[in-house]
Protein backbone atom coordinates (compact mmCIF):
# COMPACT_ATOMS: atom_id res chain seq x y z
CA MET A 1 0.00 0.00 0.00
CA THR A 2 1.09 3.59 -0.66
CA ILE A 3 0.65 6.64 1.55
CA LEU A 4 -1.29 9.15 -0.56
CA SER A 5 -1.82 11.80 2.09
CA GLU A 6 -1.82 12.17 5.84
CA ASN A 7 -5.23 10.50 6.13
CA THR A 8 -5.27 8.25 3.08
CA ILE A 9 -3.47 5.09 2.04
CA GLY A 10 -4.06 3.44 -1.29
CA LEU A 11 -3.09 1.14 -4.09
CA ASP A 12 -3.33 1.94 -7.79
CA ARG A 13 -2.87 -0.84 -10.32
CA GLU A 14 -3.71 -1.49 -13.94
CA VAL A 15 -5.32 -4.89 -14.35
CA ARG A 16 -4.52 -6.59 -17.65
CA PHE A 17 -6.49 -9.59 -18.85
CA GLY A 18 -5.63 -10.34 -22.48
CA ASP A 19 -6.38 -7.20 -24.51
CA VAL A 20 -8.54 -5.79 -21.70
CA ARG A 21 -7.15 -3.25 -19.26
CA TYR A 22 -8.83 -1.42 -16.42
CA ASP A 23 -7.75 0.59 -13.41
CA PHE A 24 -7.97 -0.93 -9.96
CA HIS A 25 -7.88 1.39 -6.95
CA VAL A 26 -7.80 0.73 -3.21
CA ARG A 27 -8.40 3.62 -0.82
CA HIS A 28 -8.76 4.14 2.91
CA GLY A 29 -9.23 7.44 4.67
CA GLN A 30 -10.93 10.81 4.57
CA SER A 31 -10.09 11.92 1.03
CA ALA A 32 -11.19 8.73 -0.71
CA TRP A 33 -14.59 10.14 -1.70
CA SER A 34 -13.13 13.19 -3.43
CA ASP A 35 -10.75 10.95 -5.37
CA LEU A 36 -13.68 8.78 -6.41
CA ARG A 37 -15.81 11.73 -7.47
CA ALA A 38 -13.03 12.94 -9.78
CA ARG A 39 -12.88 9.53 -11.43
CA PHE A 40 -16.63 9.49 -12.00
CA ALA A 41 -16.61 13.03 -13.38
CA ALA A 42 -14.08 11.99 -16.00
CA LEU A 43 -16.61 9.47 -17.39
CA GLU A 44 -18.95 12.29 -18.51
CA ALA A 45 -21.97 10.02 -18.03
CA ASP A 46 -25.48 11.26 -18.82
CA ARG A 47 -26.82 9.24 -15.87
CA PHE A 48 -25.81 6.64 -13.32
CA VAL A 49 -27.70 3.48 -12.46
CA LEU A 50 -26.59 2.48 -8.98
CA VAL A 51 -27.34 -1.21 -8.40
CA ALA A 52 -27.02 -1.55 -4.62
CA ASP A 53 -27.18 -4.50 -2.28
CA ALA A 54 -30.53 -4.24 -0.50
CA GLY A 55 -28.83 -5.23 2.75
CA LEU A 56 -26.28 -2.42 2.83
CA PRO A 57 -26.50 0.26 5.54
CA ALA A 58 -28.73 3.06 4.27
CA HIS A 59 -26.10 5.74 4.94
CA LEU A 60 -23.56 4.01 2.67
CA VAL A 61 -26.00 3.85 -0.25
CA ALA A 62 -27.11 7.43 0.38
CA GLU A 63 -23.54 8.73 0.47
CA THR A 64 -22.67 7.00 -2.77
CA GLU A 65 -25.84 8.28 -4.42
CA MET A 66 -25.08 11.82 -3.23
CA HIS A 67 -21.65 11.85 -4.90
CA LEU A 68 -23.02 10.43 -8.14
CA ALA A 69 -26.06 12.71 -8.23
CA ALA A 70 -23.79 15.74 -7.99
CA LEU A 71 -22.48 14.75 -11.43
CA ALA A 72 -25.52 13.32 -13.28
CA PRO A 73 -29.07 12.06 -12.63
CA THR A 74 -28.82 8.91 -10.53
CA ARG A 75 -31.27 6.05 -10.05
CA VAL A 76 -30.83 3.56 -7.21
CA LEU A 77 -31.96 0.00 -7.92
CA LYS A 78 -31.90 -2.56 -5.11
CA ALA A 79 -30.94 -6.22 -5.46
CA LYS A 80 -30.74 -8.84 -2.73
CA ALA A 81 -27.37 -10.52 -2.20
CA ASP A 82 -29.03 -13.90 -2.26
CA GLU A 83 -28.20 -16.88 -4.48
CA ALA A 84 -31.90 -17.47 -5.09
CA GLN A 85 -32.25 -13.86 -6.32
CA LYS A 86 -29.21 -14.11 -8.60
CA SER A 87 -31.44 -14.96 -11.53
CA LEU A 88 -32.80 -13.86 -14.89
CA THR A 89 -35.97 -12.75 -13.11
CA THR A 90 -34.03 -10.24 -11.03
CA LEU A 91 -32.03 -9.15 -14.07
CA ASP A 92 -35.20 -8.55 -16.09
CA ARG A 93 -36.72 -6.45 -13.29
CA LEU A 94 -33.63 -4.26 -13.03
CA ALA A 95 -33.37 -3.84 -16.80
CA GLU A 96 -37.03 -2.79 -17.10
CA GLU A 97 -36.58 -0.22 -14.32
CA ALA A 98 -33.39 1.16 -15.85
CA LEU A 99 -34.91 1.41 -19.32
CA ARG A 100 -38.05 3.07 -17.98
CA ASP A 101 -35.85 5.59 -16.17
CA GLY A 102 -34.05 6.57 -19.38
CA ILE A 103 -30.75 4.68 -19.39
CA THR A 104 -28.74 5.30 -22.60
CA ARG A 105 -25.48 4.19 -24.18
CA ARG A 106 -23.73 7.04 -22.36
CA SER A 107 -24.96 5.87 -18.97
CA VAL A 108 -22.88 4.00 -16.41
CA VAL A 109 -23.98 1.08 -14.25
CA VAL A 110 -22.38 1.21 -10.80
CA ALA A 111 -22.32 -1.99 -8.76
CA LEU A 112 -22.36 -1.35 -5.02
CA GLY A 113 -22.21 -4.58 -3.05
CA GLY A 114 -20.48 -7.93 -2.86
CA GLY A 115 -19.85 -10.52 -5.53
CA THR A 116 -23.50 -11.51 -5.99
CA VAL A 117 -24.74 -7.97 -6.64
CA GLY A 118 -21.60 -7.26 -8.66
CA ASN A 119 -22.42 -10.18 -10.96
CA ILE A 120 -26.04 -9.08 -11.37
CA ALA A 121 -25.07 -5.47 -12.12
CA GLY A 122 -22.23 -6.62 -14.37
CA LEU A 123 -24.54 -8.75 -16.49
CA LEU A 124 -27.04 -5.87 -16.62
CA ALA A 125 -24.32 -3.58 -18.00
CA ALA A 126 -23.23 -6.25 -20.48
CA LEU A 127 -26.73 -6.78 -21.89
CA VAL A 128 -28.28 -3.30 -22.01
CA PHE A 129 -27.75 -2.02 -25.54
CA ARG A 130 -25.31 -4.94 -25.98
CA GLY A 131 -22.95 -3.40 -23.47
CA ILE A 132 -22.57 -0.10 -21.60
CA ARG A 133 -20.00 1.07 -19.07
CA LEU A 134 -19.66 -0.58 -15.68
CA VAL A 135 -17.94 0.51 -12.47
CA HIS A 136 -17.47 -1.84 -9.54
CA MET A 137 -17.57 -0.50 -5.98
CA PRO A 138 -17.30 -3.71 -3.95
CA THR A 139 -18.34 -3.52 -0.32
CA THR A 140 -16.98 -6.90 0.79
CA LEU A 141 -13.45 -8.24 0.97
CA LEU A 142 -14.47 -11.14 -1.28
CA GLY A 143 -15.65 -8.64 -3.87
CA MET A 144 -12.49 -6.56 -3.61
CA SER A 145 -10.05 -9.46 -3.73
CA ASP A 146 -11.80 -11.86 -6.08
CA SER A 147 -15.01 -11.23 -7.99
CA VAL A 148 -14.06 -7.83 -9.48
CA LEU A 149 -10.76 -9.32 -10.68
CA SER A 150 -12.54 -11.07 -13.51
CA LEU A 151 -14.48 -10.31 -16.67
CA LYS A 152 -17.12 -12.95 -15.90
CA GLN A 153 -20.66 -11.73 -15.28
CA ALA A 154 -23.35 -14.32 -14.64
CA VAL A 155 -26.54 -15.33 -12.86
CA ASN A 156 -27.76 -18.73 -11.77
CA SER A 157 -30.13 -21.15 -13.43
CA SER A 158 -32.39 -23.49 -11.48
CA TYR A 159 -29.78 -26.19 -12.08
CA GLY A 160 -26.66 -24.48 -10.77
CA LYS A 161 -24.48 -21.43 -10.24
CA ASN A 162 -23.39 -19.04 -12.96
CA HIS A 163 -24.90 -20.99 -15.86
CA LEU A 164 -26.11 -17.83 -17.65
CA GLY A 165 -23.65 -15.07 -18.39
CA THR A 166 -21.01 -13.45 -20.52
CA PHE A 167 -17.75 -11.47 -20.27
CA HIS A 168 -17.79 -7.73 -19.65
CA ALA A 169 -15.04 -5.52 -18.24
CA PRO A 170 -15.51 -2.57 -15.88
CA VAL A 171 -14.01 0.78 -16.79
CA PHE A 172 -12.52 0.85 -13.31
CA VAL A 173 -12.84 -0.71 -9.87
CA TRP A 174 -12.95 1.38 -6.71
CA ASN A 175 -12.27 -0.39 -3.42
CA HIS A 176 -12.90 1.67 -0.30
CA LEU A 177 -11.49 -0.19 2.71
CA ASP A 178 -13.75 1.80 5.03
CA PHE A 179 -16.64 -0.28 3.65
CA LEU A 180 -15.15 -3.29 5.43
CA ASP A 181 -15.38 -1.78 8.92
CA SER A 182 -18.86 -3.15 9.58
CA LEU A 183 -18.34 -6.58 8.03
CA PRO A 184 -18.73 -9.54 10.38
CA ALA A 185 -15.63 -11.65 10.98
CA ASP A 186 -17.13 -14.53 9.01
CA GLU A 187 -17.27 -12.36 5.89
CA ILE A 188 -13.57 -11.57 6.21
CA ARG A 189 -12.62 -15.20 6.83
CA SER A 190 -14.75 -16.33 3.90
CA ALA A 191 -13.01 -13.93 1.53
CA LEU A 192 -9.59 -15.03 2.70
CA CYS A 193 -10.43 -18.60 1.70
CA GLU A 194 -10.37 -17.40 -1.93
CA MET A 195 -7.02 -15.72 -1.25
CA THR A 196 -5.82 -19.05 0.17
CA LYS A 197 -6.85 -20.67 -3.13
CA ASN A 198 -4.60 -18.21 -4.95
CA VAL A 199 -1.70 -19.04 -2.66
CA LEU A 200 -2.12 -22.81 -3.00
CA GLY A 201 -2.76 -22.81 -6.72
CA ILE A 202 -0.80 -19.88 -8.14
CA VAL A 203 1.61 -18.11 -5.75
CA PRO A 204 2.87 -20.74 -3.28
CA GLU A 205 5.97 -18.59 -2.75
CA ARG A 206 3.70 -16.33 -0.65
CA TYR A 207 2.62 -19.25 1.61
CA ASP A 208 4.80 -18.41 4.62
CA GLU A 209 3.96 -14.71 4.37
CA VAL A 210 0.23 -15.41 4.40
CA ALA A 211 0.49 -18.04 7.14
CA GLY A 212 2.20 -15.43 9.31
CA LEU A 213 -0.49 -12.81 8.68
CA LEU A 214 -3.67 -14.87 9.03
CA ARG A 215 -5.61 -14.47 12.30
CA ARG A 216 -8.47 -16.60 13.53
CA ASP A 217 -10.20 -13.51 14.94
CA ALA A 218 -10.18 -11.89 11.46
CA ARG A 219 -8.98 -8.55 12.84
CA TYR A 220 -6.66 -6.88 10.34
CA THR A 221 -5.27 -3.41 9.80
CA PRO A 222 -6.04 -1.59 6.53
CA ASP A 223 -2.41 -2.11 5.54
CA VAL A 224 -2.69 -5.90 5.88
CA MET A 225 -6.03 -5.87 4.03
CA GLY A 226 -4.28 -3.99 1.26
CA ARG A 227 -1.53 -6.61 1.15
CA PHE A 228 -4.08 -9.39 0.85
CA ILE A 229 -5.89 -7.60 -1.99
CA GLY A 230 -2.58 -6.87 -3.73
CA LEU A 231 -1.64 -10.56 -3.53
CA CYS A 232 -4.90 -11.49 -5.23
CA VAL A 233 -4.30 -8.94 -7.99
CA ASP A 234 -0.83 -10.41 -8.53
CA ALA A 235 -2.12 -13.99 -8.62
CA LYS A 236 -5.09 -13.42 -10.89
CA THR A 237 -3.23 -11.25 -13.39
CA ARG A 238 -0.46 -13.88 -13.56
CA VAL A 239 -2.82 -16.53 -14.92
CA MET A 240 -5.29 -14.27 -16.76
CA ARG A 241 -2.81 -12.09 -18.63
CA HIS A 242 -3.09 -14.37 -21.67
CA ASP A 243 -6.37 -16.05 -20.74
CA ALA A 244 -8.93 -13.33 -20.16
CA ASN A 245 -11.91 -15.67 -20.54
CA GLU A 246 -10.55 -18.18 -18.02
CA LYS A 247 -10.67 -21.20 -20.30
CA GLY A 248 -7.02 -22.26 -20.21
CA GLU A 249 -4.30 -21.40 -17.73
CA ALA A 250 -6.73 -19.35 -15.63
CA LEU A 251 -8.95 -22.36 -14.96
CA ILE A 252 -6.86 -22.81 -11.82
CA LEU A 253 -9.02 -20.01 -10.40
CA GLU A 254 -11.80 -22.62 -10.30
CA TYR A 255 -9.81 -24.78 -7.88
CA GLY A 256 -12.14 -25.97 -5.13
CA HIS A 257 -15.17 -24.51 -6.88
CA THR A 258 -16.70 -27.73 -8.23
CA VAL A 259 -17.63 -29.17 -4.85
CA GLY A 260 -17.69 -25.69 -3.29
CA HIS A 261 -20.40 -24.43 -5.63
CA ALA A 262 -22.43 -27.58 -5.00
CA ALA A 263 -22.29 -27.07 -1.23
CA GLU A 264 -23.12 -23.39 -1.56
CA LEU A 265 -26.12 -24.15 -3.75
CA LEU A 266 -27.42 -26.97 -1.53
CA THR A 267 -27.34 -24.73 1.54
CA GLY A 268 -29.07 -21.89 -0.28
CA GLY A 269 -26.03 -19.69 0.33
CA ARG A 270 -26.05 -20.26 4.11
CA LEU A 271 -22.57 -21.70 3.68
CA ARG A 272 -20.65 -18.61 2.62
CA HIS A 273 -19.01 -18.73 -0.78
CA GLY A 274 -15.43 -18.61 0.46
CA TYR A 275 -16.06 -21.20 3.14
CA ALA A 276 -17.59 -23.50 0.52
CA ILE A 277 -14.57 -23.02 -1.74
CA GLY A 278 -12.19 -23.73 1.14
CA ILE A 279 -13.93 -27.04 1.86
CA GLY A 280 -14.03 -27.74 -1.87
CA MET A 281 -10.24 -27.35 -1.95
CA LEU A 282 -9.90 -29.92 0.82
CA VAL A 283 -11.97 -32.33 -1.27
CA ALA A 284 -9.82 -31.62 -4.35
CA ALA A 285 -6.65 -32.15 -2.31
CA ARG A 286 -7.92 -35.49 -0.99
CA VAL A 287 -8.91 -36.57 -4.51
CA SER A 288 -5.46 -35.56 -5.78
CA ARG A 289 -3.80 -37.64 -3.09
CA GLU A 290 -6.05 -40.61 -3.81
CA LEU A 291 -4.86 -40.38 -7.42
CA GLY A 292 -1.21 -40.17 -6.37
CA LEU A 293 -0.83 -36.59 -7.59
CA LEU A 294 -0.44 -34.73 -4.31
CA ASP A 295 1.65 -35.76 -1.33
CA ARG A 296 0.51 -35.75 2.27
CA SER A 297 2.40 -32.58 3.22
CA ASP A 298 0.79 -30.56 0.43
CA GLU A 299 -2.65 -31.80 1.45
CA ALA A 300 -1.86 -30.78 5.03
CA ALA A 301 -0.78 -27.34 3.78
CA HIS A 302 -4.35 -26.77 2.58
CA LEU A 303 -5.78 -27.55 5.99
CA LYS A 304 -3.20 -25.43 7.83
CA LEU A 305 -4.07 -22.18 6.03
CA LEU A 306 -7.81 -22.73 6.46
CA GLU A 307 -7.36 -23.40 10.18
CA LEU A 308 -5.11 -20.33 10.63
CA ASN A 309 -7.90 -18.36 8.97
CA GLY A 310 -10.49 -19.78 11.38
CA ALA A 311 -12.52 -21.18 8.48
CA PRO A 312 -14.65 -24.36 8.67
CA THR A 313 -13.07 -27.53 7.32
CA VAL A 314 -16.16 -29.77 7.20
CA LEU A 315 -19.46 -29.52 5.36
CA PRO A 316 -22.68 -28.62 7.22
CA GLN A 317 -24.24 -31.68 8.85
CA GLU A 318 -27.37 -31.58 6.69
CA LEU A 319 -25.34 -32.35 3.54
CA ASP A 320 -24.50 -35.85 2.34
CA ALA A 321 -22.12 -37.11 -0.30
CA ALA A 322 -24.84 -38.28 -2.70
CA SER A 323 -26.56 -34.86 -2.81
CA VAL A 324 -23.28 -33.03 -3.34
CA LEU A 325 -22.27 -35.45 -6.09
CA ASP A 326 -25.61 -34.92 -7.86
CA ILE A 327 -24.86 -31.17 -8.16
CA VAL A 328 -21.22 -31.77 -9.10
CA ARG A 329 -22.43 -33.75 -12.12
CA LEU A 330 -24.04 -30.50 -13.42
CA ASP A 331 -21.04 -28.23 -12.79
CA ASN A 332 -20.49 -25.43 -15.30
CA LYS A 333 -17.01 -26.68 -16.25
CA ARG A 334 -18.51 -29.61 -18.17
CA GLY A 335 -17.59 -29.62 -21.84
CA TYR A 336 -14.00 -28.39 -21.76
CA VAL A 337 -13.14 -32.02 -22.55
CA PRO A 338 -15.43 -34.68 -24.08
CA GLY A 339 -17.84 -35.95 -21.45
CA ARG A 340 -17.76 -39.53 -20.18
CA SER A 341 -20.24 -41.41 -18.04
CA GLY A 342 -19.28 -42.04 -14.42
CA VAL A 343 -16.65 -39.32 -14.12
CA CYS A 344 -16.55 -35.73 -12.83
CA ASP A 345 -14.49 -32.89 -14.30
CA LEU A 346 -12.24 -31.35 -11.64
CA ILE A 347 -9.36 -28.92 -11.29
CA LEU A 348 -6.57 -30.69 -9.38
CA LEU A 349 -3.01 -29.99 -8.23
CA GLU A 350 0.06 -32.18 -8.48
CA GLY A 351 1.94 -29.88 -6.10
CA LEU A 352 1.43 -26.41 -4.65
CA GLY A 353 1.29 -23.98 -7.56
CA ARG A 354 1.35 -26.86 -10.07
CA PRO A 355 -2.03 -27.62 -11.70
CA HIS A 356 -2.46 -31.13 -13.05
CA ARG A 357 -2.70 -30.98 -16.86
CA PRO A 358 -3.54 -34.36 -18.36
CA GLY A 359 -3.01 -34.12 -22.11
CA GLY A 360 -2.16 -30.45 -21.68
CA ASN A 361 -5.66 -29.67 -20.40
CA GLN A 362 -6.31 -28.41 -16.88
CA ILE A 363 -9.45 -30.55 -16.50
CA THR A 364 -9.01 -33.93 -14.85
CA GLN A 365 -11.76 -36.51 -15.29
CA VAL A 366 -12.10 -38.42 -12.03
CA ASP A 367 -14.26 -41.47 -11.42
CA GLU A 368 -17.24 -40.71 -9.22
CA ARG A 369 -16.20 -43.16 -6.50
CA THR A 370 -12.95 -41.26 -5.95
CA VAL A 371 -14.81 -37.95 -5.88
CA GLN A 372 -17.17 -39.45 -3.31
CA ILE A 373 -14.19 -40.44 -1.14
CA GLY A 374 -13.05 -36.83 -1.27
CA ILE A 375 -16.49 -35.54 -0.29
CA GLU A 376 -16.82 -38.06 2.52
CA SER A 377 -13.50 -36.85 3.97
CA VAL A 378 -15.17 -33.55 4.89
CA LEU A 379 -18.50 -34.94 6.13
CA GLY A 380 -19.80 -35.59 9.60
CA GLY A 381 -17.50 -33.31 11.55
CA ARG A 382 -14.41 -35.37 10.73
CA PRO A 383 -11.15 -33.48 10.06
CA ALA A 384 -10.20 -33.56 6.41
CA LEU A 385 -7.01 -35.51 7.10
CA VAL A 386 -8.57 -38.37 9.12
CA GLY A 387 -7.47 -41.63 7.55
CA ALA A 388 -4.31 -40.06 6.09
């Protein structure tokens, strides 16, 4: 992080994904709002459509609206940060309201919320007039460190997560660390599970640094938060620089997501996204070891970071292996390689920072019985390494 003034610290980066580039800013302190207002003024928008998380504190939405309305007419549209509401029905409602209010090609959609609302607003911006400008203002650490570092915008179908979407880049991302002050500890821990994924899958050279910084109580200074976000920028740009659509090298970003998404969907989002991904990584690690790809120490390294973070390492008691496996069979990574009966398509490691690439492809087809063994290793309150 850089000291910008007596009361402000910040980070300014240019994110590059293939031919796409956008500015990525992190701010903390009293002058952050004036910096933001200058960035919005430079867009010369004819109006702003502020898509805000319905659960945000009213003063935060009002303050954001005030700064935007000083520059152009501003309409606030509310969306629930709920997996069940992340749907085409919600998207259609927001689009109708925006069109009725006079949105044009010179307008800007501003996403104010976490990853769920960011995805809804991002897909709205991508579809209105086949694409208008988008600005992300994430209000969660998961949003700041993960979801806005992607071009993917999607909503859910009734069969699974993120089945309906496209790619659309923001013009810039504005991360205000003050937004994190009111987040519960579980939200912070959940986000740091995604950072842990980046460490295990992409930047294992940062393992000891992160292990030394993680706290079970989730209490971090703005400087440490900035370091975590910066690490995620470094990791994601490393694998997306030549793979903006995340279909090749960047598929490692899906590590842990196959089982994680299934658990998240089955609990209706009660199991936080990052927590689900963390547990999904434990399943992937166990599967990798069952296949002889990952050694015991690397599997243990997964568990250590999650425990240092204070994150759960077992699935909720109401879930069973058969139900999780049913959802895994419908995962959105199907089709990268020709499908085969009785196998699941997974992202696996053969060492920290070393994705398994059978035939040069990052998808590994694993027989369902082995996947079930992996799922069972995180069921029933048993530690993930029992039976090692």
